[in-house]
Amino acid sequence: MKHLNQLKAQSFHINRFGKVSTPFLFYYMQEIAWEHAHLLGFGFDHLREDQLFWVLSRLLVKIERRPVWKEEFTLETWSRGTDGFFAYRDFRFLDANGTEIIRATSSWLVLDLETKRIQRLSQFKNFPAYQESVVGSNAGKLESPVSADELIYTPVLFNEIDINQHFNSGRYLERINNSYSFDFHENHELKELEVNFLKEGMPNDRLAVKQQPLNGAEHLCAVVRENDGAELIRARLLWKKR
């Protein structure tokens, strides 16, 4: 069963080029995923009753074009079932003519609220059967970036903490996006994004972004915590020339 939202690119969703920003593409998907999970009986409140919670583990997004300011578009999502531990969810952004402009797949885990142990999804009744992804594959496991550049750590900010008292997943993407210079963004636009969410960021953390260009278009990034050197997320970014 697909779930649809009719959306409009608002002024606070867009970047300096008048297009929906990468973090807001993520926030659209995050919100509709939570909304649909609730309708299916697997939402935030349902899991909290059993001391469980959802965490996003992996994400793969392919962008043909972004919605522009004031543009109306449709975001649709559906559950692709589970392989036992991962729950898979796909997304499609469609323009007013029904043309697909963005597609994405995501992999989620359910954790115990106290122990943080991964729970098998076989405990959920009526969970949808596994289906193949609209992207053609599931998001994969990423390598750690390698860089000799000095890392610049900054504190976690109040607005970066979510209702689970962790660093919000979309804020990682903001940090990565902001780690690139104005000049780079003037000349490049993101066409593909793959992310592994690895560890929880906390309010007292100090974080930095590590970058490794693999070639002119493809980069690896990680958000690194200062006190233990842990990588909280890894990302692969594929850029195109503007």
C-alpha atoms as a PDB file:
ATOM      1  CA  MET A   1       0.000   0.000   0.000  1.00  0.00           C
ATOM      2  CA  LYS A   2       1.433   3.356  -1.066  1.00  0.00           C
ATOM      3  CA  HIS A   3       1.034   6.508   0.973  1.00  0.00           C
ATOM      4  CA  LEU A   4       1.034   9.926  -0.748  1.00  0.00           C
ATOM      5  CA  ASN A   5       1.633  13.499   0.340  1.00  0.00           C
ATOM      6  CA  GLN A   6       0.900  16.501  -1.841  1.00  0.00           C
ATOM      7  CA  LEU A   7       3.646  19.032  -1.141  1.00  0.00           C
ATOM      8  CA  LYS A   8       4.804  22.476  -2.187  1.00  0.00           C
ATOM      9  CA  ALA A   9       8.358  23.800  -2.116  1.00  0.00           C
ATOM     10  CA  GLN A  10       8.204  26.612   0.437  1.00  0.00           C
ATOM     11  CA  SER A  11      10.669  29.487   0.792  1.00  0.00           C
ATOM     12  CA  PHE A  12      12.293  27.889   3.864  1.00  0.00           C
ATOM     13  CA  HIS A  13      12.798  24.563   2.002  1.00  0.00           C
ATOM     14  CA  ILE A  14      14.976  25.931  -0.770  1.00  0.00           C
ATOM     15  CA  ASN A  15      18.662  26.751  -1.167  1.00  0.00           C
ATOM     16  CA  ARG A  16      20.236  29.817  -2.738  1.00  0.00           C
ATOM     17  CA  PHE A  17      19.542  28.404  -6.204  1.00  0.00           C
ATOM     18  CA  GLY A  18      15.779  28.321  -5.605  1.00  0.00           C
ATOM     19  CA  LYS A  19      15.653  24.527  -5.392  1.00  0.00           C
ATOM     20  CA  VAL A  20      14.742  22.271  -2.463  1.00  0.00           C
ATOM     21  CA  SER A  21      17.895  21.707  -0.397  1.00  0.00           C
ATOM     22  CA  THR A  22      19.372  18.272   0.257  1.00  0.00           C
ATOM     23  CA  PRO A  23      18.470  18.318   3.983  1.00  0.00           C
ATOM     24  CA  PHE A  24      14.855  19.225   3.204  1.00  0.00           C
ATOM     25  CA  LEU A  25      14.567  16.404   0.666  1.00  0.00           C
ATOM     26  CA  PHE A  26      15.542  14.177   3.570  1.00  0.00           C
ATOM     27  CA  TYR A  27      13.103  15.830   5.991  1.00  0.00           C
ATOM     28  CA  TYR A  28      10.236  15.278   3.513  1.00  0.00           C
ATOM     29  CA  MET A  29      11.087  11.565   3.377  1.00  0.00           C
ATOM     30  CA  GLN A  30      11.599  11.258   7.123  1.00  0.00           C
ATOM     31  CA  GLU A  31       8.216  12.819   7.876  1.00  0.00           C
ATOM     32  CA  ILE A  32       6.200  10.759   5.411  1.00  0.00           C
ATOM     33  CA  ALA A  33       7.958   7.573   6.601  1.00  0.00           C
ATOM     34  CA  TRP A  34       6.928   8.256  10.204  1.00  0.00           C
ATOM     35  CA  GLU A  35       3.412   9.149   9.087  1.00  0.00           C
ATOM     36  CA  HIS A  36       2.960   5.990   7.025  1.00  0.00           C
ATOM     37  CA  ALA A  37       4.477   3.726   9.697  1.00  0.00           C
ATOM     38  CA  HIS A  38       1.894   5.103  12.139  1.00  0.00           C
ATOM     39  CA  LEU A  39      -0.941   4.321   9.723  1.00  0.00           C
ATOM     40  CA  LEU A  40       0.382   0.763   9.370  1.00  0.00           C
ATOM     41  CA  GLY A  41       0.468   0.317  13.153  1.00  0.00           C
ATOM     42  CA  PHE A  42       4.277   0.414  13.442  1.00  0.00           C
ATOM     43  CA  GLY A  43       4.735   4.092  14.308  1.00  0.00           C
ATOM     44  CA  PHE A  44       6.716   5.960  16.950  1.00  0.00           C
ATOM     45  CA  ASP A  45       3.959   5.758  19.568  1.00  0.00           C
ATOM     46  CA  HIS A  46       3.221   2.088  18.843  1.00  0.00           C
ATOM     47  CA  LEU A  47       6.851   1.068  19.327  1.00  0.00           C
ATOM     48  CA  ARG A  48       7.271   3.181  22.474  1.00  0.00           C
ATOM     49  CA  GLU A  49       4.570   1.086  24.127  1.00  0.00           C
ATOM     50  CA  ASP A  50       6.996  -1.852  23.870  1.00  0.00           C
ATOM     51  CA  GLN A  51      10.098   0.213  24.717  1.00  0.00           C
ATOM     52  CA  LEU A  52      11.291   0.101  21.098  1.00  0.00           C
ATOM     53  CA  PHE A  53      12.172   2.745  18.525  1.00  0.00           C
ATOM     54  CA  TRP A  54      12.975   3.025  14.817  1.00  0.00           C
ATOM     55  CA  VAL A  55      16.408   4.116  13.584  1.00  0.00           C
ATOM     56  CA  LEU A  56      17.349   4.884  10.006  1.00  0.00           C
ATOM     57  CA  SER A  57      20.378   2.789   9.047  1.00  0.00           C
ATOM     58  CA  ARG A  58      20.970   3.358   5.326  1.00  0.00           C
ATOM     59  CA  LEU A  59      19.697   5.645   2.589  1.00  0.00           C
ATOM     60  CA  LEU A  60      20.244   5.868  -1.171  1.00  0.00           C
ATOM     61  CA  VAL A  61      18.820   8.821  -3.125  1.00  0.00           C
ATOM     62  CA  LYS A  62      19.016   9.439  -6.883  1.00  0.00           C
ATOM     63  CA  ILE A  63      18.101  12.915  -8.081  1.00  0.00           C
ATOM     64  CA  GLU A  64      17.064  13.700 -11.644  1.00  0.00           C
ATOM     65  CA  ARG A  65      16.032  17.207 -10.671  1.00  0.00           C
ATOM     66  CA  ARG A  66      14.868  19.020  -7.533  1.00  0.00           C
ATOM     67  CA  PRO A  67      11.541  20.771  -6.981  1.00  0.00           C
ATOM     68  CA  VAL A  68      11.889  24.531  -7.353  1.00  0.00           C
ATOM     69  CA  TRP A  69      10.400  27.273  -5.224  1.00  0.00           C
ATOM     70  CA  LYS A  70       6.568  27.242  -5.238  1.00  0.00           C
ATOM     71  CA  GLU A  71       6.441  24.018  -7.267  1.00  0.00           C
ATOM     72  CA  GLU A  72       3.773  21.525  -6.248  1.00  0.00           C
ATOM     73  CA  PHE A  73       4.762  17.867  -6.317  1.00  0.00           C
ATOM     74  CA  THR A  74       3.818  14.463  -4.933  1.00  0.00           C
ATOM     75  CA  LEU A  75       5.877  12.331  -2.579  1.00  0.00           C
ATOM     76  CA  GLU A  76       4.878   8.687  -2.358  1.00  0.00           C
ATOM     77  CA  THR A  77       6.263   5.989  -0.085  1.00  0.00           C
ATOM     78  CA  TRP A  78       5.677   2.328   0.632  1.00  0.00           C
ATOM     79  CA  SER A  79       7.091  -0.432   2.788  1.00  0.00           C
ATOM     80  CA  ARG A  80       9.103  -3.096   0.938  1.00  0.00           C
ATOM     81  CA  GLY A  81       8.967  -5.552   3.814  1.00  0.00           C
ATOM     82  CA  THR A  82      11.859  -7.015   5.775  1.00  0.00           C
ATOM     83  CA  ASP A  83      14.699  -9.522   5.523  1.00  0.00           C
ATOM     84  CA  GLY A  84      14.495 -10.170   9.272  1.00  0.00           C
ATOM     85  CA  PHE A  85      16.469  -7.229  10.665  1.00  0.00           C
ATOM     86  CA  PHE A  86      16.180  -4.440   8.096  1.00  0.00           C
ATOM     87  CA  ALA A  87      12.820  -2.914   7.215  1.00  0.00           C
ATOM     88  CA  TYR A  88      12.937  -1.421   3.729  1.00  0.00           C
ATOM     89  CA  ARG A  89      11.055   1.654   2.554  1.00  0.00           C
ATOM     90  CA  ASP A  90      11.117   3.341  -0.862  1.00  0.00           C
ATOM     91  CA  PHE A  91      10.170   6.841  -2.024  1.00  0.00           C
ATOM     92  CA  ARG A  92       9.320   8.592  -5.286  1.00  0.00           C
ATOM     93  CA  PHE A  93       8.999  12.328  -5.955  1.00  0.00           C
ATOM     94  CA  LEU A  94       6.679  13.085  -8.883  1.00  0.00           C
ATOM     95  CA  ASP A  95       6.119  16.432 -10.585  1.00  0.00           C
ATOM     96  CA  ALA A  96       2.695  17.814 -11.498  1.00  0.00           C
ATOM     97  CA  ASN A  97       2.718  15.753 -14.704  1.00  0.00           C
ATOM     98  CA  GLY A  98       3.416  12.527 -12.824  1.00  0.00           C
ATOM     99  CA  THR A  99       7.031  12.366 -14.014  1.00  0.00           C
ATOM    100  CA  GLU A 100       9.486  10.855 -11.520  1.00  0.00           C
ATOM    101  CA  ILE A 101      12.140  13.397 -10.526  1.00  0.00           C
ATOM    102  CA  ILE A 102      13.701  11.701  -7.452  1.00  0.00           C
ATOM    103  CA  ARG A 103      13.714   8.121  -6.195  1.00  0.00           C
ATOM    104  CA  ALA A 104      15.142   6.693  -3.005  1.00  0.00           C
ATOM    105  CA  THR A 105      15.363   3.589  -0.859  1.00  0.00           C
ATOM    106  CA  SER A 106      15.960   3.345   2.881  1.00  0.00           C
ATOM    107  CA  SER A 107      16.831   0.620   5.396  1.00  0.00           C
ATOM    108  CA  TRP A 108      15.568   0.834   8.983  1.00  0.00           C
ATOM    109  CA  LEU A 109      16.206  -1.043  12.229  1.00  0.00           C
ATOM    110  CA  VAL A 110      14.152  -1.403  15.414  1.00  0.00           C
ATOM    111  CA  LEU A 111      16.154  -1.051  18.647  1.00  0.00           C
ATOM    112  CA  ASP A 112      15.360  -1.677  22.284  1.00  0.00           C
ATOM    113  CA  LEU A 113      15.058   1.669  24.072  1.00  0.00           C
ATOM    114  CA  GLU A 114      17.175   0.575  27.050  1.00  0.00           C
ATOM    115  CA  THR A 115      19.713  -1.943  25.693  1.00  0.00           C
ATOM    116  CA  LYS A 116      19.922  -0.479  22.145  1.00  0.00           C
ATOM    117  CA  ARG A 117      19.941  -4.031  20.822  1.00  0.00           C
ATOM    118  CA  ILE A 118      18.555  -4.688  17.342  1.00  0.00           C
ATOM    119  CA  GLN A 119      15.197  -6.468  17.359  1.00  0.00           C
ATOM    120  CA  ARG A 120      14.038  -9.024  14.792  1.00  0.00           C
ATOM    121  CA  LEU A 121      11.104  -7.702  12.780  1.00  0.00           C
ATOM    122  CA  SER A 122       9.423 -11.107  12.666  1.00  0.00           C
ATOM    123  CA  GLN A 123       7.714 -10.074  15.908  1.00  0.00           C
ATOM    124  CA  PHE A 124       5.527  -7.620  13.949  1.00  0.00           C
ATOM    125  CA  LYS A 125       2.366  -9.178  12.599  1.00  0.00           C
ATOM    126  CA  ASN A 126       1.117  -8.334   9.093  1.00  0.00           C
ATOM    127  CA  PHE A 127       4.441  -6.764   8.068  1.00  0.00           C
ATOM    128  CA  PRO A 128       4.533  -6.409   4.244  1.00  0.00           C
ATOM    129  CA  ALA A 129       6.329  -9.064   2.205  1.00  0.00           C
ATOM    130  CA  TYR A 130       9.797  -8.244   0.841  1.00  0.00           C
ATOM    131  CA  GLN A 131       9.904  -6.552  -2.587  1.00  0.00           C
ATOM    132  CA  GLU A 132      12.716  -5.276  -4.803  1.00  0.00           C
ATOM    133  CA  SER A 133      13.682  -1.609  -4.648  1.00  0.00           C
ATOM    134  CA  VAL A 134      12.571   1.097  -7.044  1.00  0.00           C
ATOM    135  CA  VAL A 135      16.250   2.141  -7.162  1.00  0.00           C
ATOM    136  CA  GLY A 136      17.317  -1.329  -8.294  1.00  0.00           C
ATOM    137  CA  SER A 137      19.298  -2.241  -5.176  1.00  0.00           C
ATOM    138  CA  ASN A 138      19.359  -1.626  -1.451  1.00  0.00           C
ATOM    139  CA  ALA A 139      21.673   1.004   0.014  1.00  0.00           C
ATOM    140  CA  GLY A 140      25.061  -0.599   0.616  1.00  0.00           C
ATOM    141  CA  LYS A 141      27.835  -0.537   3.194  1.00  0.00           C
ATOM    142  CA  LEU A 142      30.235   2.372   2.712  1.00  0.00           C
ATOM    143  CA  GLU A 143      33.976   2.616   3.271  1.00  0.00           C
ATOM    144  CA  SER A 144      35.519   5.092   5.684  1.00  0.00           C
ATOM    145  CA  PRO A 145      36.970   8.210   4.020  1.00  0.00           C
ATOM    146  CA  VAL A 146      40.720   8.760   4.217  1.00  0.00           C
ATOM    147  CA  SER A 147      42.075  12.269   4.665  1.00  0.00           C
ATOM    148  CA  ALA A 148      45.147  13.926   6.151  1.00  0.00           C
ATOM    149  CA  ASP A 149      43.347  17.275   6.504  1.00  0.00           C
ATOM    150  CA  GLU A 150      42.975  18.687   9.997  1.00  0.00           C
ATOM    151  CA  LEU A 151      39.465  18.177  11.317  1.00  0.00           C
ATOM    152  CA  ILE A 152      37.633  21.186  12.719  1.00  0.00           C
ATOM    153  CA  TYR A 153      35.308  20.160  15.574  1.00  0.00           C
ATOM    154  CA  THR A 154      32.297  22.219  16.623  1.00  0.00           C
ATOM    155  CA  PRO A 155      29.713  21.594  19.377  1.00  0.00           C
ATOM    156  CA  VAL A 156      26.336  19.988  18.823  1.00  0.00           C
ATOM    157  CA  LEU A 157      23.686  22.709  18.835  1.00  0.00           C
ATOM    158  CA  PHE A 158      20.328  22.691  20.625  1.00  0.00           C
ATOM    159  CA  ASN A 159      18.249  22.439  17.423  1.00  0.00           C
ATOM    160  CA  GLU A 160      20.281  19.449  16.229  1.00  0.00           C
ATOM    161  CA  ILE A 161      18.866  17.141  18.930  1.00  0.00           C
ATOM    162  CA  ASP A 162      15.665  15.219  18.164  1.00  0.00           C
ATOM    163  CA  ILE A 163      12.844  13.777  20.285  1.00  0.00           C
ATOM    164  CA  ASN A 164      14.919  10.639  20.989  1.00  0.00           C
ATOM    165  CA  GLN A 165      17.577  12.953  22.531  1.00  0.00           C
ATOM    166  CA  HIS A 166      20.036  12.070  19.739  1.00  0.00           C
ATOM    167  CA  PHE A 167      21.590  14.087  16.933  1.00  0.00           C
ATOM    168  CA  ASN A 168      18.890  14.310  14.250  1.00  0.00           C
ATOM    169  CA  SER A 169      19.681  12.303  11.115  1.00  0.00           C
ATOM    170  CA  GLY A 170      18.953  15.209   8.781  1.00  0.00           C
ATOM    171  CA  ARG A 171      21.359  17.469  10.668  1.00  0.00           C
ATOM    172  CA  TYR A 172      24.235  15.211   9.622  1.00  0.00           C
ATOM    173  CA  LEU A 173      23.352  15.989   6.022  1.00  0.00           C
ATOM    174  CA  GLU A 174      23.290  19.702   6.841  1.00  0.00           C
ATOM    175  CA  ARG A 175      26.780  19.452   8.308  1.00  0.00           C
ATOM    176  CA  ILE A 176      28.099  17.590   5.270  1.00  0.00           C
ATOM    177  CA  ASN A 177      26.393  20.022   2.884  1.00  0.00           C
ATOM    178  CA  ASN A 178      27.836  22.998   4.759  1.00  0.00           C
ATOM    179  CA  SER A 179      31.348  21.504   4.755  1.00  0.00           C
ATOM    180  CA  TYR A 180      31.628  22.329   1.038  1.00  0.00           C
ATOM    181  CA  SER A 181      32.575  25.836   0.016  1.00  0.00           C
ATOM    182  CA  PHE A 182      30.312  28.356  -1.685  1.00  0.00           C
ATOM    183  CA  ASP A 183      32.506  28.066  -4.765  1.00  0.00           C
ATOM    184  CA  PHE A 184      32.088  24.293  -4.900  1.00  0.00           C
ATOM    185  CA  HIS A 185      28.296  24.546  -4.627  1.00  0.00           C
ATOM    186  CA  GLU A 186      28.276  27.254  -7.301  1.00  0.00           C
ATOM    187  CA  ASN A 187      29.816  24.763  -9.722  1.00  0.00           C
ATOM    188  CA  HIS A 188      28.398  21.420  -8.577  1.00  0.00           C
ATOM    189  CA  GLU A 189      24.996  19.947  -7.800  1.00  0.00           C
ATOM    190  CA  LEU A 190      24.354  16.684  -5.951  1.00  0.00           C
ATOM    191  CA  LYS A 191      22.831  13.956  -8.145  1.00  0.00           C
ATOM    192  CA  GLU A 192      23.229  10.904  -5.880  1.00  0.00           C
ATOM    193  CA  LEU A 193      23.589  10.418  -2.134  1.00  0.00           C
ATOM    194  CA  GLU A 194      24.217   7.221  -0.193  1.00  0.00           C
ATOM    195  CA  VAL A 195      24.428   7.289   3.614  1.00  0.00           C
ATOM    196  CA  ASN A 196      25.183   4.835   6.432  1.00  0.00           C
ATOM    197  CA  PHE A 197      23.998   5.987   9.865  1.00  0.00           C
ATOM    198  CA  LEU A 198      26.373   4.246  12.294  1.00  0.00           C
ATOM    199  CA  LYS A 199      26.269   5.701  15.810  1.00  0.00           C
ATOM    200  CA  GLU A 200      24.219   8.108  17.905  1.00  0.00           C
ATOM    201  CA  GLY A 201      25.349  11.691  18.316  1.00  0.00           C
ATOM    202  CA  MET A 202      24.652  13.183  21.739  1.00  0.00           C
ATOM    203  CA  PRO A 203      24.132  16.731  23.066  1.00  0.00           C
ATOM    204  CA  ASN A 204      27.650  17.089  24.527  1.00  0.00           C
ATOM    205  CA  ASP A 205      29.485  15.881  21.415  1.00  0.00           C
ATOM    206  CA  ARG A 206      31.816  17.915  19.251  1.00  0.00           C
ATOM    207  CA  LEU A 207      31.720  16.915  15.584  1.00  0.00           C
ATOM    208  CA  ALA A 208      33.714  17.432  12.398  1.00  0.00           C
ATOM    209  CA  VAL A 209      33.284  16.449   8.743  1.00  0.00           C
ATOM    210  CA  LYS A 210      35.981  14.424   6.989  1.00  0.00           C
ATOM    211  CA  GLN A 211      36.080  14.453   3.166  1.00  0.00           C
ATOM    212  CA  GLN A 212      37.828  12.229   0.623  1.00  0.00           C
ATOM    213  CA  PRO A 213      37.448  12.988  -3.094  1.00  0.00           C
ATOM    214  CA  LEU A 214      37.556   9.670  -4.974  1.00  0.00           C
ATOM    215  CA  ASN A 215      37.576  11.440  -8.338  1.00  0.00           C
ATOM    216  CA  GLY A 216      36.231  14.685  -9.699  1.00  0.00           C
ATOM    217  CA  ALA A 217      32.601  13.730  -9.133  1.00  0.00           C
ATOM    218  CA  GLU A 218      32.454  11.142  -6.344  1.00  0.00           C
ATOM    219  CA  HIS A 219      33.351  11.849  -2.715  1.00  0.00           C
ATOM    220  CA  LEU A 220      33.289   9.982   0.588  1.00  0.00           C
ATOM    221  CA  CYS A 221      32.448  11.897   3.773  1.00  0.00           C
ATOM    222  CA  ALA A 222      32.076  11.080   7.447  1.00  0.00           C
ATOM    223  CA  VAL A 223      30.867  12.980  10.496  1.00  0.00           C
ATOM    224  CA  VAL A 224      33.459  12.270  13.206  1.00  0.00           C
ATOM    225  CA  ARG A 225      33.134  12.645  16.983  1.00  0.00           C
ATOM    226  CA  GLU A 226      36.061  14.280  18.769  1.00  0.00           C
ATOM    227  CA  ASN A 227      36.241  12.389  22.085  1.00  0.00           C
ATOM    228  CA  ASP A 228      36.587   8.893  20.607  1.00  0.00           C
ATOM    229  CA  GLY A 229      37.212   9.416  16.887  1.00  0.00           C
ATOM    230  CA  ALA A 230      34.045   7.466  16.024  1.00  0.00           C
ATOM    231  CA  GLU A 231      32.399   8.002  12.657  1.00  0.00           C
ATOM    232  CA  LEU A 232      28.708   8.651  13.322  1.00  0.00           C
ATOM    233  CA  ILE A 233      27.757   8.509   9.663  1.00  0.00           C
ATOM    234  CA  ARG A 234      29.451   7.810   6.345  1.00  0.00           C
ATOM    235  CA  ALA A 235      28.223   9.201   3.061  1.00  0.00           C
ATOM    236  CA  ARG A 236      28.987   8.798  -0.623  1.00  0.00           C
ATOM    237  CA  LEU A 237      28.176  11.840  -2.741  1.00  0.00           C
ATOM    238  CA  LEU A 238      28.051  11.942  -6.516  1.00  0.00           C
ATOM    239  CA  TRP A 239      28.145  15.456  -7.961  1.00  0.00           C
ATOM    240  CA  LYS A 240      27.428  16.860 -11.411  1.00  0.00           C
ATOM    241  CA  LYS A 241      28.524  20.138 -12.984  1.00  0.00           C
ATOM    242  CA  ARG A 242      25.942  22.916 -12.963  1.00  0.00           C
END
